[in-house]
Amino acid sequence: MPTLPTLLTFLAALFLLEITPGPDMMLVLARGVGQGRRVALLTVAGMIFVAGAIQVGLLVLGLASLMQAYPASLAVLQWAGALYLIYLGSRMLWSSRRPAERRQGVRRVSDWAAVREGCLNNLTNPKSLLFMFAFLPQFIDPAAGPVWSQLLILGAIQKLSGVLSLGSVAVASGTVGQWLTRWPALLVWQERFTGCVMVALGLRLMVTGTASRH
């Protein structure tokens, strides 16, 4: 178990991480406005519970040491996530070109798709990866107990904190999205907003990833 001073310092750093907008928060915001509260909350579930189980498991198994030994692996994940976001956003922008009278037949995002996209976005989110695999291990004290248990506890705290931060964004943006659906003519702009945010987010990740390697 981490010591109390270590835990308090970790929580302070985590608080700053959670209130800083990043790829996960932007995706949840776009999903809430573009697809509604349910899809936004399912996206958060994918980020926290599905991606979290994978990330914490890998952290405990020693992926933190691997990523520190091979920094290029982080860049590969970052580019993969950026390209996937650009693909999703471009697909939504393309579908929004259909005539307005055909908008009612637009396929909504399925529950599984929302969970999957949230998971993939978080797994390739450099902000989350850097904190968990580079910053979090700095709070480990071998003298305080088994290293694996400290990694498990701190990793679980980091992921579960997203229930409050990202969940709040999902509820708020989803409320706005549901309000907009009362006017069918605005559906196209919902989809365009979501698509533009995803493309812009993907491009931003590519630019920041390239800059960080120079």
Protein backbone atom coordinates (compact mmCIF):
# COMPACT_ATOMS: atom_id res chain seq x y z
CA MET A 1 0.00 0.00 0.00
CA PRO A 2 1.42 3.46 -0.93
CA THR A 3 2.21 5.70 2.03
CA LEU A 4 -0.20 8.55 2.84
CA PRO A 5 2.15 11.37 1.67
CA THR A 6 2.79 9.49 -1.58
CA LEU A 7 -0.92 8.91 -2.10
CA LEU A 8 -1.80 12.57 -1.48
CA THR A 9 0.88 13.75 -3.92
CA PHE A 10 -0.40 11.29 -6.50
CA LEU A 11 -4.00 12.47 -6.06
CA ALA A 12 -2.93 16.10 -6.52
CA ALA A 13 -1.13 15.25 -9.77
CA LEU A 14 -4.11 13.18 -10.89
CA PHE A 15 -6.50 16.07 -10.22
CA LEU A 16 -4.47 18.32 -12.51
CA LEU A 17 -4.49 15.62 -15.16
CA GLU A 18 -8.26 15.15 -15.01
CA ILE A 19 -9.18 18.85 -15.29
CA THR A 20 -6.90 19.38 -18.29
CA PRO A 21 -8.76 18.86 -21.60
CA GLY A 22 -7.34 16.06 -23.69
CA PRO A 23 -8.29 13.54 -26.40
CA ASP A 24 -10.62 11.55 -24.12
CA MET A 25 -12.54 14.58 -22.92
CA MET A 26 -12.90 15.96 -26.44
CA LEU A 27 -14.21 12.66 -27.78
CA VAL A 28 -16.77 12.40 -24.96
CA LEU A 29 -17.83 15.99 -25.61
CA ALA A 30 -18.26 15.33 -29.32
CA ARG A 31 -20.18 12.11 -28.70
CA GLY A 32 -22.48 13.80 -26.20
CA VAL A 33 -23.38 16.69 -28.49
CA GLY A 34 -23.47 14.58 -31.64
CA GLN A 35 -25.05 11.35 -30.40
CA GLY A 36 -26.59 11.97 -26.98
CA ARG A 37 -26.01 11.16 -23.33
CA ARG A 38 -26.24 7.36 -23.63
CA VAL A 39 -23.57 7.11 -26.31
CA ALA A 40 -21.32 9.53 -24.41
CA LEU A 41 -21.62 7.50 -21.19
CA LEU A 42 -20.92 4.26 -23.05
CA THR A 43 -17.84 5.91 -24.56
CA VAL A 44 -16.69 6.75 -21.03
CA ALA A 45 -17.33 3.15 -19.97
CA GLY A 46 -15.04 1.95 -22.75
CA MET A 47 -12.33 4.39 -21.66
CA ILE A 48 -12.47 3.53 -17.97
CA PHE A 49 -13.45 -0.11 -17.61
CA VAL A 50 -12.35 -1.80 -20.85
CA ALA A 51 -9.22 0.23 -21.59
CA GLY A 52 -8.52 0.52 -17.86
CA ALA A 53 -8.49 -3.25 -17.35
CA ILE A 54 -6.01 -3.60 -20.22
CA GLN A 55 -3.77 -0.72 -19.14
CA VAL A 56 -3.63 -1.60 -15.45
CA GLY A 57 -2.99 -5.25 -16.32
CA LEU A 58 -0.12 -4.30 -18.61
CA LEU A 59 1.22 -1.86 -16.03
CA VAL A 60 1.37 -4.55 -13.37
CA LEU A 61 2.99 -6.96 -15.83
CA GLY A 62 5.81 -4.51 -16.50
CA LEU A 63 4.88 -2.58 -19.66
CA ALA A 64 6.05 0.62 -17.96
CA SER A 65 9.63 -0.65 -18.09
CA LEU A 66 9.19 -1.73 -21.71
CA MET A 67 7.92 1.67 -22.84
CA GLN A 68 10.75 3.41 -21.03
CA ALA A 69 13.24 1.14 -22.79
CA TYR A 70 11.60 1.62 -26.21
CA PRO A 71 10.13 5.16 -26.42
CA ALA A 72 9.21 4.60 -30.09
CA SER A 73 6.37 2.29 -28.99
CA LEU A 74 4.52 5.29 -27.57
CA ALA A 75 4.82 7.14 -30.87
CA VAL A 76 3.39 4.15 -32.75
CA LEU A 77 0.36 4.04 -30.46
CA GLN A 78 -0.12 7.79 -30.76
CA TRP A 79 -0.10 7.74 -34.57
CA ALA A 80 -2.45 4.76 -34.69
CA GLY A 81 -4.95 6.55 -32.47
CA ALA A 82 -4.67 9.77 -34.49
CA LEU A 83 -5.32 7.99 -37.79
CA TYR A 84 -8.30 6.15 -36.32
CA LEU A 85 -9.87 9.41 -35.10
CA ILE A 86 -9.36 11.04 -38.49
CA TYR A 87 -10.99 8.04 -40.15
CA LEU A 88 -14.04 8.20 -37.86
CA GLY A 89 -14.42 11.96 -38.26
CA SER A 90 -14.05 11.83 -42.03
CA ARG A 91 -16.68 9.10 -42.25
CA MET A 92 -19.14 11.22 -40.27
CA LEU A 93 -18.45 14.31 -42.38
CA TRP A 94 -19.01 12.30 -45.55
CA SER A 95 -22.32 10.88 -44.32
CA SER A 96 -23.54 14.37 -43.35
CA ARG A 97 -23.55 15.30 -47.06
CA ARG A 98 -26.76 13.33 -47.61
CA PRO A 99 -29.91 15.37 -48.31
CA ALA A 100 -31.81 16.69 -45.28
CA GLU A 101 -34.94 14.71 -46.13
CA ARG A 102 -32.96 11.50 -45.66
CA ARG A 103 -31.48 12.44 -42.29
CA GLN A 104 -34.04 10.44 -40.28
CA GLY A 105 -32.60 7.23 -41.72
CA VAL A 106 -29.05 7.92 -40.54
CA ARG A 107 -27.66 5.00 -38.54
CA ARG A 108 -26.97 5.86 -34.94
CA VAL A 109 -23.80 4.80 -33.17
CA SER A 110 -24.39 1.39 -31.60
CA ASP A 111 -23.68 0.68 -27.95
CA TRP A 112 -20.79 -1.62 -28.84
CA ALA A 113 -19.31 0.93 -31.26
CA ALA A 114 -19.38 3.60 -28.55
CA VAL A 115 -17.62 1.34 -26.05
CA ARG A 116 -15.08 0.18 -28.65
CA GLU A 117 -14.22 3.67 -29.85
CA GLY A 118 -13.87 4.93 -26.28
CA CYS A 119 -11.55 2.04 -25.48
CA LEU A 120 -9.39 2.55 -28.58
CA ASN A 121 -9.20 6.29 -28.03
CA ASN A 122 -8.00 5.85 -24.45
CA LEU A 123 -5.55 3.08 -25.32
CA THR A 124 -3.87 5.39 -27.85
CA ASN A 125 -4.22 8.59 -25.80
CA PRO A 126 -0.65 9.85 -25.19
CA LYS A 127 -1.75 11.92 -22.19
CA SER A 128 -3.17 8.88 -20.40
CA LEU A 129 -0.32 6.60 -21.49
CA LEU A 130 2.42 8.97 -20.39
CA PHE A 131 0.86 9.44 -16.96
CA MET A 132 0.27 5.74 -16.35
CA PHE A 133 3.45 4.28 -17.83
CA ALA A 134 5.99 7.06 -17.22
CA PHE A 135 4.71 9.25 -14.38
CA LEU A 136 2.80 6.82 -12.17
CA PRO A 137 5.79 4.50 -11.54
CA GLN A 138 7.60 7.44 -9.94
CA PHE A 139 5.23 7.12 -6.97
CA ILE A 140 6.22 3.53 -6.28
CA ASP A 141 8.28 2.88 -3.14
CA PRO A 142 9.70 -0.68 -3.00
CA ALA A 143 10.09 -0.30 0.77
CA ALA A 144 6.33 0.31 1.19
CA GLY A 145 5.31 -3.16 0.03
CA PRO A 146 5.01 -5.30 -3.11
CA VAL A 147 5.55 -3.18 -6.22
CA TRP A 148 2.81 -4.96 -8.15
CA SER A 149 0.18 -4.12 -5.52
CA GLN A 150 1.18 -0.44 -5.51
CA LEU A 151 0.94 -0.32 -9.30
CA LEU A 152 -2.46 -1.99 -9.14
CA ILE A 153 -3.82 0.42 -6.53
CA LEU A 154 -2.52 3.61 -8.14
CA GLY A 155 -3.49 2.46 -11.64
CA ALA A 156 -7.03 1.63 -10.50
CA ILE A 157 -7.37 5.02 -8.78
CA GLN A 158 -6.26 6.81 -11.93
CA LYS A 159 -8.76 5.03 -14.16
CA LEU A 160 -11.72 5.22 -11.76
CA SER A 161 -11.22 8.96 -11.31
CA GLY A 162 -12.51 9.29 -14.86
CA VAL A 163 -15.97 8.25 -13.66
CA LEU A 164 -16.34 11.72 -12.11
CA SER A 165 -14.49 13.87 -14.65
CA LEU A 166 -15.43 12.22 -17.94
CA GLY A 167 -18.82 11.12 -16.65
CA SER A 168 -19.73 14.72 -15.84
CA VAL A 169 -18.71 15.83 -19.33
CA ALA A 170 -20.81 13.03 -20.84
CA VAL A 171 -23.93 13.99 -18.91
CA ALA A 172 -23.58 17.72 -19.62
CA SER A 173 -22.78 17.37 -23.34
CA GLY A 174 -25.42 14.66 -23.73
CA THR A 175 -28.07 16.99 -22.34
CA VAL A 176 -27.15 19.57 -24.97
CA GLY A 177 -27.25 16.89 -27.67
CA GLN A 178 -30.72 15.72 -26.67
CA TRP A 179 -31.98 19.28 -26.73
CA LEU A 180 -30.69 19.73 -30.27
CA THR A 181 -32.47 16.60 -31.54
CA ARG A 182 -35.81 18.34 -31.10
CA TRP A 183 -35.01 20.13 -34.34
CA PRO A 184 -34.37 17.53 -37.09
CA ALA A 185 -32.76 20.18 -39.32
CA LEU A 186 -29.94 20.47 -36.77
CA LEU A 187 -29.06 16.76 -36.89
CA VAL A 188 -26.72 17.35 -39.80
CA TRP A 189 -24.85 19.97 -37.80
CA GLN A 190 -24.57 17.59 -34.87
CA GLU A 191 -22.90 15.06 -37.12
CA ARG A 192 -20.65 17.67 -38.71
CA PHE A 193 -19.62 18.98 -35.29
CA THR A 194 -18.70 15.48 -34.12
CA GLY A 195 -16.80 14.77 -37.34
CA CYS A 196 -14.86 18.04 -37.22
CA VAL A 197 -13.86 17.53 -33.59
CA MET A 198 -12.59 14.01 -34.32
CA VAL A 199 -10.59 15.08 -37.38
CA ALA A 200 -9.13 18.09 -35.56
CA LEU A 201 -8.24 15.95 -32.57
CA GLY A 202 -6.53 13.37 -34.77
CA LEU A 203 -4.52 16.04 -36.57
CA ARG A 204 -3.54 17.61 -33.25
CA LEU A 205 -2.25 14.28 -31.97
CA MET A 206 -0.19 13.81 -35.13
CA VAL A 207 1.30 17.31 -34.88
CA THR A 208 2.14 17.05 -31.17
CA GLY A 209 3.56 13.58 -31.71
CA THR A 210 5.82 14.82 -34.49
CA ALA A 211 6.92 17.85 -32.46
CA SER A 212 7.78 15.74 -29.44
CA ARG A 213 10.24 13.72 -31.51
CA HIS A 214 12.22 16.80 -32.62
